[in-house]
Amino acid sequence: MIIKYTIDLFLYQNEDLLVSHIEKIQSRSWLKILLIFSIITLVILYLSEIEIRYEMKEYRSDFLAYWSAGKVIDNFGFSNLYNFDLNKQIQMEAFQDLGIDIENFLFFPVVYFSVFLAPFVLLSRLDLSIAYWVWSAINWIILICYFLFFFRQIQSNPSQKWRKIVVVLALIFSFTTFFNSVWGQVNVLLAVSIGEFIRNVQKKRFLVGGLWIGLLTLKFPLFILLIPALFFLKNYKVLIGLSISSASLFTLSTLLVGKQGLEQMLRFWMGSVQFSAPTSPSVMMNWRMLGYHLNFLKPIFSWMIVIAGIAITLYLVWLSLKTRPEIGSSEWIILMMGIVAGTCAISWHSHMHMALVLLPFFIFSVTFDLLNDFLVYAWIIVPAGFLMSIVIIVITKFPDTDYLYISEIGTILSYIYLLFNFYICVSVFRFLKRRLIYKEMG
């Protein structure tokens, strides 16, 4: 049935038939059961991951990098934040304190602006294990509280309110949130900033919306399509807010690290600092990941496929931009969703946990019944169903294995999220094209 609906989506130029399919299945109890199943699945997976982390005394490398950066700041000052020798030493000592074989040690640097790393000073004063769980708890509390607030704020009395609350909760507990939490990542801040961006532009507070979106400076590759798109659409107030916010963050970060820290950071970005640290392209959600897995082909063929995928994605974004929806409208916000999804697909460094930035757009779409529900339900159910089936197999056949370390699982999930990014771009274009036709018809 799901395959049939997928074929419908790509074959029907007019999506009326697909919409009728979705409307029919929405009332069926099995759909609600699947959503609840997805929530329970991700909760179970997270609890099992907690047990694994506790027993193995091993904490994901992303959080270890933030924690060690906080400790460098606390012990040696902001000026030494980008001193990778100090960071490496602290990370190695943390491994030894946990009783982990240092032969397995891999150094993970962190080169975010210093203002974003300042909160980790407090966490670094805790033991690594305690700090990890405190950080996880803080992220979950913020995520659940903020997005329930966001759902209520953007539409005070939506139709089918309780069904949509279930969908929103399922989105909050979807795989990308789980993955973000397991790795101790910082994407909750990005998701909240995009949520506030949406709330403010919806209320015609474009400058304030731009100030919020400036927080994406934390992971500035997210700007590669967004800034050109805002220029093309002549959304200058948003751009001014974004510029003020980004410039302020850069200035404050520069003042904190001083000349020495700035020089170290620039040397890193210019490639003059050499170190070995895995970037894990095999588990990204971009076209680069596809090229990596096609390495059995001649390089020219794998690169041709990657370039073709990037070109098609950019073309879809361009077609969506040409519809030029009014700033602050529902169409404009959905256009931003397509731009962010397209960025995740073409960006050189785009891991699955970064898909959390799409969460506020999904909640906005669900609240106002904009994009087809099949996309939303697939985003929730497909990764959860896949993971649960894998966990069942692993538990029964390989009980001592951490399923998140099985490379084939990460590869399949990467393909799934690349398809989601592309699918979002297609869905956004079709939605905007349909709205444009309706507008022209009066």
Protein backbone atom coordinates (compact mmCIF):
# COMPACT_ATOMS: atom_id res chain seq x y z
CA MET A 1 0.00 0.00 0.00
CA ILE A 2 2.78 2.44 0.89
CA ILE A 3 4.55 1.61 -2.40
CA LYS A 4 1.32 2.33 -4.28
CA TYR A 5 1.00 5.74 -2.66
CA THR A 6 4.63 6.50 -3.48
CA ILE A 7 4.06 5.64 -7.14
CA ASP A 8 0.92 7.80 -7.11
CA LEU A 9 2.92 10.76 -5.85
CA PHE A 10 5.46 10.61 -8.66
CA LEU A 11 3.04 9.68 -11.46
CA TYR A 12 0.15 12.07 -10.85
CA GLN A 13 0.79 15.56 -12.11
CA ASN A 14 -2.34 16.49 -10.14
CA GLU A 15 -2.14 15.10 -6.60
CA ASP A 16 -5.90 15.01 -6.04
CA LEU A 17 -5.95 11.20 -6.26
CA LEU A 18 -3.11 10.87 -3.76
CA VAL A 19 -4.83 13.30 -1.40
CA SER A 20 -7.99 11.19 -1.59
CA HIS A 21 -5.92 8.11 -0.68
CA ILE A 22 -4.50 9.88 2.35
CA GLU A 23 -7.90 11.17 3.46
CA LYS A 24 -9.24 7.62 3.37
CA ILE A 25 -6.47 6.13 5.48
CA GLN A 26 -6.37 8.96 8.02
CA SER A 27 -9.52 7.75 9.68
CA ARG A 28 -8.25 4.20 9.97
CA SER A 29 -7.20 3.14 13.40
CA TRP A 30 -4.06 1.41 12.11
CA LEU A 31 -2.52 4.74 11.21
CA LYS A 32 -2.89 5.99 14.78
CA ILE A 33 -1.47 2.69 15.99
CA LEU A 34 1.55 3.12 13.69
CA LEU A 35 2.20 6.62 15.01
CA ILE A 36 2.00 5.44 18.61
CA PHE A 37 4.17 2.45 17.68
CA SER A 38 6.79 4.84 16.28
CA ILE A 39 6.84 6.86 19.49
CA ILE A 40 7.16 3.71 21.64
CA THR A 41 9.85 2.30 19.31
CA LEU A 42 12.09 5.36 19.58
CA VAL A 43 11.60 5.54 23.37
CA ILE A 44 12.59 1.87 23.68
CA LEU A 45 15.59 2.39 21.39
CA TYR A 46 16.73 5.38 23.40
CA LEU A 47 16.38 3.50 26.70
CA SER A 48 18.36 0.58 25.25
CA GLU A 49 21.01 3.04 24.06
CA ILE A 50 21.21 4.48 27.59
CA GLU A 51 21.88 0.99 28.93
CA ILE A 52 24.56 0.40 26.29
CA ARG A 53 26.26 3.71 27.07
CA TYR A 54 26.14 2.99 30.82
CA GLU A 55 27.52 -0.53 30.54
CA MET A 56 30.24 0.32 28.00
CA LYS A 57 31.17 3.60 29.74
CA GLU A 58 31.36 5.07 26.23
CA TYR A 59 29.98 8.44 25.22
CA ARG A 60 29.46 9.63 21.72
CA SER A 61 32.34 11.50 20.18
CA ASP A 62 30.38 14.66 19.34
CA PHE A 63 29.55 15.35 22.97
CA LEU A 64 33.08 14.42 24.03
CA ALA A 65 34.37 17.14 21.68
CA TYR A 66 32.05 19.78 23.18
CA TRP A 67 32.86 18.69 26.73
CA SER A 68 36.61 18.83 26.12
CA ALA A 69 36.26 22.28 24.50
CA GLY A 70 34.47 23.48 27.64
CA LYS A 71 37.26 22.09 29.79
CA VAL A 72 39.91 23.85 27.67
CA ILE A 73 38.06 27.15 28.10
CA ASP A 74 37.69 26.58 31.84
CA ASN A 75 41.31 25.59 32.44
CA PHE A 76 43.26 27.52 29.81
CA GLY A 77 40.93 30.33 28.71
CA PHE A 78 39.05 31.10 25.49
CA SER A 79 42.28 31.99 23.69
CA ASN A 80 43.26 28.29 23.70
CA LEU A 81 39.88 26.99 22.56
CA TYR A 82 41.20 26.00 19.11
CA ASN A 83 44.45 24.57 20.47
CA PHE A 84 43.89 21.02 19.25
CA ASP A 85 46.82 19.62 21.22
CA LEU A 86 45.08 20.61 24.47
CA ASN A 87 41.73 19.29 23.25
CA LYS A 88 43.29 15.99 22.21
CA GLN A 89 45.07 15.59 25.54
CA ILE A 90 41.84 16.16 27.50
CA GLN A 91 39.92 13.70 25.32
CA MET A 92 42.61 11.04 25.77
CA GLU A 93 42.57 11.54 29.54
CA ALA A 94 38.78 11.16 29.51
CA PHE A 95 39.17 7.84 27.67
CA GLN A 96 41.68 6.63 30.22
CA ASP A 97 39.49 7.70 33.16
CA LEU A 98 36.64 5.65 31.69
CA GLY A 99 38.90 2.62 31.35
CA ILE A 100 38.66 2.60 27.55
CA ASP A 101 41.57 1.26 25.53
CA ILE A 102 43.34 4.35 24.13
CA GLU A 103 44.35 2.36 21.06
CA ASN A 104 40.77 2.93 19.92
CA PHE A 105 41.09 6.66 20.49
CA LEU A 106 40.15 9.05 17.68
CA PHE A 107 40.45 12.80 18.15
CA PHE A 108 37.35 14.87 17.40
CA PRO A 109 37.96 18.62 17.08
CA VAL A 110 35.27 21.25 17.46
CA VAL A 111 35.51 24.55 15.60
CA TYR A 112 32.21 26.26 16.33
CA PHE A 113 32.23 29.93 17.25
CA SER A 114 33.29 30.26 20.88
CA VAL A 115 30.00 31.85 22.01
CA PHE A 116 28.21 28.57 21.25
CA LEU A 117 30.70 26.56 23.32
CA ALA A 118 30.59 28.77 26.40
CA PRO A 119 27.70 26.78 28.02
CA PHE A 120 29.86 23.65 27.97
CA VAL A 121 32.20 25.25 30.52
CA LEU A 122 29.67 24.43 33.24
CA LEU A 123 29.10 20.91 31.91
CA SER A 124 32.86 20.30 31.74
CA ARG A 125 33.05 20.71 35.51
CA LEU A 126 31.01 17.51 35.82
CA ASP A 127 32.31 14.02 35.11
CA LEU A 128 31.92 13.16 31.45
CA SER A 129 29.27 10.52 32.14
CA ILE A 130 27.14 12.81 34.33
CA ALA A 131 27.56 15.74 31.92
CA TYR A 132 26.37 13.56 29.03
CA TRP A 133 23.11 12.64 30.78
CA VAL A 134 22.54 16.21 31.99
CA TRP A 135 22.99 17.48 28.44
CA SER A 136 20.62 14.81 27.08
CA ALA A 137 17.97 15.68 29.67
CA ILE A 138 18.25 19.42 28.95
CA ASN A 139 17.83 18.79 25.22
CA TRP A 140 14.77 16.58 25.64
CA ILE A 141 13.07 19.02 28.03
CA ILE A 142 13.66 21.97 25.69
CA LEU A 143 12.58 19.99 22.64
CA ILE A 144 9.29 18.71 24.06
CA CYS A 145 8.30 21.93 25.84
CA TYR A 146 9.25 24.24 23.00
CA PHE A 147 7.56 22.37 20.17
CA LEU A 148 4.32 21.85 22.07
CA PHE A 149 4.45 25.62 22.69
CA PHE A 150 5.27 26.19 18.99
CA PHE A 151 2.30 24.05 17.89
CA ARG A 152 -0.06 26.01 20.11
CA GLN A 153 1.34 29.41 19.12
CA ILE A 154 1.19 29.12 15.34
CA GLN A 155 -2.48 28.07 15.40
CA SER A 156 -4.51 28.42 18.57
CA ASN A 157 -7.37 26.14 17.52
CA PRO A 158 -6.42 23.84 14.63
CA SER A 159 -8.90 21.36 13.15
CA GLN A 160 -8.54 17.75 14.32
CA LYS A 161 -6.47 19.06 17.20
CA TRP A 162 -5.89 15.79 19.07
CA ARG A 163 -4.91 13.85 15.95
CA LYS A 164 -2.38 16.56 15.17
CA ILE A 165 -1.01 16.53 18.72
CA VAL A 166 -0.32 12.80 18.30
CA VAL A 167 1.45 13.49 15.00
CA VAL A 168 3.48 16.32 16.57
CA LEU A 169 4.55 14.06 19.44
CA ALA A 170 5.50 11.37 16.92
CA LEU A 171 7.59 13.95 15.05
CA ILE A 172 9.28 15.05 18.28
CA PHE A 173 10.18 11.41 19.02
CA SER A 174 11.22 10.62 15.44
CA PHE A 175 14.56 9.03 14.58
CA THR A 176 16.44 12.25 13.85
CA THR A 177 15.67 13.51 17.38
CA PHE A 178 16.78 10.19 18.83
CA PHE A 179 20.00 10.29 16.77
CA ASN A 180 20.71 13.88 17.82
CA SER A 181 20.34 12.93 21.48
CA VAL A 182 22.45 9.78 21.28
CA TRP A 183 25.37 11.70 19.82
CA GLY A 184 24.98 14.57 22.26
CA GLN A 185 24.62 17.01 19.37
CA VAL A 186 23.61 20.69 19.45
CA ASN A 187 20.89 20.71 16.78
CA VAL A 188 18.08 21.46 19.24
CA LEU A 189 19.26 25.09 19.25
CA LEU A 190 19.01 25.15 15.45
CA ALA A 191 15.52 23.65 15.51
CA VAL A 192 14.33 26.20 18.09
CA SER A 193 15.85 29.09 16.10
CA ILE A 194 14.00 27.96 12.97
CA GLY A 195 10.80 27.57 15.01
CA GLU A 196 11.10 31.16 16.24
CA PHE A 197 11.98 32.28 12.72
CA ILE A 198 8.71 30.73 11.47
CA ARG A 199 6.64 32.23 14.31
CA ASN A 200 7.98 35.73 13.73
CA VAL A 201 7.75 35.85 9.94
CA GLN A 202 4.22 34.44 10.22
CA LYS A 203 3.40 37.50 12.35
CA LYS A 204 5.15 39.83 9.85
CA ARG A 205 8.06 40.48 12.23
CA PHE A 206 10.62 39.88 9.51
CA LEU A 207 13.61 41.57 11.16
CA VAL A 208 13.12 39.57 14.37
CA GLY A 209 12.74 36.39 12.30
CA GLY A 210 16.06 37.19 10.64
CA LEU A 211 17.71 37.67 14.02
CA TRP A 212 16.59 34.18 15.04
CA ILE A 213 17.69 32.52 11.80
CA GLY A 214 21.13 34.04 12.33
CA LEU A 215 21.70 31.38 15.00
CA LEU A 216 22.24 28.95 12.12
CA THR A 217 25.74 30.43 12.17
CA LEU A 218 26.37 27.54 14.56
CA LYS A 219 26.41 25.35 11.42
CA PHE A 220 26.80 27.93 8.71
CA PRO A 221 26.69 25.52 5.72
CA LEU A 222 22.92 25.76 6.25
CA PHE A 223 23.20 29.26 4.72
CA ILE A 224 24.50 28.11 1.32
CA LEU A 225 21.05 28.17 -0.32
CA LEU A 226 19.13 30.22 2.23
CA ILE A 227 21.02 33.51 1.80
CA PRO A 228 20.96 33.48 -2.05
CA ALA A 229 17.25 32.57 -1.90
CA LEU A 230 16.45 35.51 0.39
CA PHE A 231 18.31 37.84 -1.98
CA PHE A 232 16.44 36.42 -4.98
CA LEU A 233 13.11 36.91 -3.19
CA LYS A 234 14.18 40.43 -2.07
CA ASN A 235 13.38 39.58 1.56
CA TYR A 236 15.75 42.28 2.75
CA LYS A 237 14.39 42.68 6.29
CA VAL A 238 15.06 39.02 7.01
CA LEU A 239 18.54 39.39 5.52
CA ILE A 240 19.25 42.45 7.66
CA GLY A 241 18.21 40.58 10.81
CA LEU A 242 20.29 37.57 9.78
CA SER A 243 23.31 39.79 9.09
CA ILE A 244 23.02 41.59 12.44
CA SER A 245 22.69 38.31 14.34
CA SER A 246 25.53 36.53 12.52
CA ALA A 247 27.87 39.52 12.72
CA SER A 248 27.15 39.91 16.45
CA LEU A 249 27.87 36.24 17.11
CA PHE A 250 31.12 36.42 15.11
CA THR A 251 32.22 39.64 16.82
CA LEU A 252 31.47 38.33 20.31
CA SER A 253 33.23 35.04 19.54
CA THR A 254 36.26 36.92 18.22
CA LEU A 255 36.41 39.10 21.33
CA LEU A 256 36.26 36.00 23.52
CA VAL A 257 39.08 34.07 21.81
CA GLY A 258 41.25 37.11 20.98
CA LYS A 259 43.92 37.31 18.32
CA GLN A 260 45.53 33.97 19.22
CA GLY A 261 42.26 32.03 19.09
CA LEU A 262 41.17 33.74 15.86
CA GLU A 263 44.48 32.86 14.18
CA GLN A 264 44.15 29.22 15.25
CA MET A 265 40.59 29.04 13.94
CA LEU A 266 41.54 30.63 10.60
CA ARG A 267 44.47 28.24 10.21
CA PHE A 268 42.05 25.35 10.64
CA TRP A 269 39.56 26.68 8.08
CA MET A 270 42.37 27.42 5.60
CA GLY A 271 43.58 23.84 5.94
CA SER A 272 46.99 24.59 7.43
CA VAL A 273 46.21 22.57 10.59
CA GLN A 274 46.54 18.86 9.91
CA PHE A 275 44.99 16.13 12.03
CA SER A 276 43.23 12.84 11.55
CA ALA A 277 39.57 12.86 12.47
CA PRO A 278 36.76 10.86 10.85
CA THR A 279 33.99 12.83 9.15
CA SER A 280 31.93 9.67 8.45
CA PRO A 281 30.57 10.52 4.97
CA SER A 282 29.10 7.00 4.87
CA VAL A 283 26.35 8.04 7.31
CA MET A 284 25.51 11.46 5.90
CA MET A 285 22.22 12.29 4.19
CA ASN A 286 23.60 14.09 1.13
CA TRP A 287 24.68 13.31 -2.41
CA ARG A 288 28.28 13.10 -1.20
CA MET A 289 27.24 10.04 0.82
CA LEU A 290 25.89 8.39 -2.35
CA GLY A 291 29.17 9.08 -4.14
CA TYR A 292 31.07 7.55 -1.24
CA HIS A 293 29.07 4.33 -1.48
CA LEU A 294 29.52 4.25 -5.26
CA ASN A 295 33.30 4.10 -4.86
CA PHE A 296 33.28 0.66 -6.51
CA LEU A 297 32.66 2.52 -9.79
CA LYS A 298 35.24 4.54 -11.63
CA PRO A 299 35.51 7.99 -9.98
CA ILE A 300 34.22 9.76 -13.09
CA PHE A 301 30.97 7.74 -13.02
CA SER A 302 30.34 8.14 -9.30
CA TRP A 303 31.00 11.89 -9.55
CA MET A 304 28.67 12.16 -12.56
CA ILE A 305 25.88 10.62 -10.49
CA VAL A 306 26.60 12.93 -7.54
CA ILE A 307 26.73 16.04 -9.75
CA ALA A 308 23.49 14.99 -11.48
CA GLY A 309 21.76 14.57 -8.11
CA ILE A 310 22.97 17.97 -6.91
CA ALA A 311 21.90 19.59 -10.19
CA ILE A 312 18.39 18.10 -10.04
CA THR A 313 18.03 19.19 -6.41
CA LEU A 314 19.13 22.73 -7.25
CA TYR A 315 16.75 22.80 -10.22
CA LEU A 316 13.82 21.82 -7.98
CA VAL A 317 14.76 24.58 -5.51
CA TRP A 318 15.02 27.05 -8.40
CA LEU A 319 11.58 26.07 -9.74
CA SER A 320 10.14 26.54 -6.24
CA LEU A 321 11.78 29.94 -5.90
CA LYS A 322 10.28 31.11 -9.19
CA THR A 323 6.79 30.88 -7.68
CA ARG A 324 7.77 33.88 -5.48
CA PRO A 325 5.23 33.46 -2.66
CA GLU A 326 4.47 36.40 -0.40
CA ILE A 327 6.86 36.64 2.54
CA GLY A 328 5.34 35.35 5.76
CA SER A 329 2.63 33.34 3.97
CA SER A 330 2.23 29.59 4.48
CA GLU A 331 3.58 29.09 0.95
CA TRP A 332 6.70 31.12 1.76
CA ILE A 333 7.38 29.10 4.92
CA ILE A 334 6.98 25.83 3.00
CA LEU A 335 9.37 27.22 0.37
CA MET A 336 11.92 27.72 3.18
CA MET A 337 11.43 24.05 4.09
CA GLY A 338 12.34 23.04 0.55
CA ILE A 339 15.42 25.27 0.66
CA VAL A 340 16.62 23.76 3.95
CA ALA A 341 15.96 20.19 2.73
CA GLY A 342 17.81 20.97 -0.49
CA THR A 343 20.71 22.34 1.54
CA CYS A 344 20.87 19.13 3.58
CA ALA A 345 21.01 17.14 0.31
CA ILE A 346 23.75 19.14 -1.44
CA SER A 347 25.86 20.28 1.53
CA TRP A 348 29.28 18.64 1.79
CA HIS A 349 28.87 17.88 5.50
CA SER A 350 25.34 16.88 6.46
CA HIS A 351 24.73 14.09 8.98
CA MET A 352 21.34 12.60 9.74
CA HIS A 353 20.99 14.30 13.12
CA MET A 354 21.05 17.66 11.31
CA ALA A 355 17.64 16.76 9.83
CA LEU A 356 16.29 18.00 13.15
CA VAL A 357 16.21 21.47 11.53
CA LEU A 358 13.27 20.24 9.44
CA LEU A 359 11.16 19.42 12.51
CA PRO A 360 9.52 22.89 12.90
CA PHE A 361 8.61 22.90 9.21
CA PHE A 362 6.94 19.49 9.53
CA ILE A 363 4.97 20.66 12.56
CA PHE A 364 3.92 23.81 10.69
CA SER A 365 2.80 21.73 7.70
CA VAL A 366 0.82 19.33 9.91
CA THR A 367 -0.86 22.20 11.78
CA PHE A 368 -2.16 23.85 8.60
CA ASP A 369 -2.63 20.68 6.48
CA LEU A 370 -0.18 21.85 3.80
CA LEU A 371 2.08 19.09 2.43
CA ASN A 372 0.61 15.66 1.85
CA ASP A 373 0.42 13.60 5.01
CA PHE A 374 2.13 10.64 3.37
CA LEU A 375 5.45 12.51 3.58
CA VAL A 376 4.94 13.27 7.28
CA TYR A 377 3.90 9.72 8.16
CA ALA A 378 6.77 8.22 6.16
CA TRP A 379 9.25 10.50 7.98
CA ILE A 380 7.97 9.14 11.29
CA ILE A 381 7.22 5.50 10.54
CA VAL A 382 9.82 4.28 8.01
CA PRO A 383 12.99 4.81 10.14
CA ALA A 384 11.24 3.58 13.30
CA GLY A 385 9.93 0.44 11.59
CA PHE A 386 13.29 -0.29 10.00
CA LEU A 387 15.18 0.17 13.27
CA MET A 388 12.79 -1.94 15.30
CA SER A 389 13.08 -4.83 12.83
CA ILE A 390 16.89 -4.55 12.96
CA VAL A 391 16.93 -4.43 16.77
CA ILE A 392 14.78 -7.56 16.96
CA ILE A 393 17.22 -9.38 14.65
CA VAL A 394 20.29 -8.14 16.54
CA ILE A 395 18.87 -8.97 19.97
CA THR A 396 17.96 -12.51 18.92
CA LYS A 397 21.11 -13.34 16.91
CA PHE A 398 23.84 -10.94 18.17
CA PRO A 399 22.88 -9.98 21.74
CA ASP A 400 26.24 -8.34 22.57
CA THR A 401 26.29 -6.00 19.56
CA ASP A 402 25.48 -2.27 19.59
CA TYR A 403 23.21 -2.00 16.54
CA LEU A 404 24.21 1.63 15.93
CA TYR A 405 27.74 0.42 15.15
CA ILE A 406 26.58 -1.91 12.37
CA SER A 407 27.70 0.04 9.30
CA GLU A 408 25.01 -1.38 7.00
CA ILE A 409 22.29 0.06 9.26
CA GLY A 410 23.77 3.54 9.07
CA THR A 411 24.12 3.19 5.30
CA ILE A 412 20.47 2.25 4.80
CA LEU A 413 19.30 5.07 7.07
CA SER A 414 21.51 7.49 5.13
CA TYR A 415 19.83 6.46 1.88
CA ILE A 416 16.43 6.87 3.53
CA TYR A 417 17.18 10.43 4.66
CA LEU A 418 18.70 11.43 1.31
CA LEU A 419 15.47 10.24 -0.31
CA PHE A 420 13.49 12.22 2.27
CA ASN A 421 15.44 15.39 1.44
CA PHE A 422 14.83 14.91 -2.26
CA TYR A 423 11.19 13.94 -1.69
CA ILE A 424 10.65 17.12 0.35
CA CYS A 425 12.05 19.23 -2.52
CA VAL A 426 9.68 17.52 -4.96
CA SER A 427 6.69 17.88 -2.63
CA VAL A 428 7.43 21.56 -1.92
CA PHE A 429 7.65 22.37 -5.64
CA ARG A 430 4.38 20.58 -6.41
CA PHE A 431 2.64 22.26 -3.49
CA LEU A 432 3.78 25.72 -4.59
CA LYS A 433 2.96 25.04 -8.23
CA ARG A 434 -0.55 23.93 -7.27
CA ARG A 435 -1.09 27.00 -5.07
CA LEU A 436 0.15 29.25 -7.89
CA ILE A 437 -2.33 27.69 -10.32
CA TYR A 438 -5.20 28.16 -7.85
CA LYS A 439 -4.15 31.79 -7.34
CA GLU A 440 -4.10 32.48 -11.08
CA MET A 441 -7.53 30.90 -11.44
CA GLY A 442 -8.80 33.35 -8.79
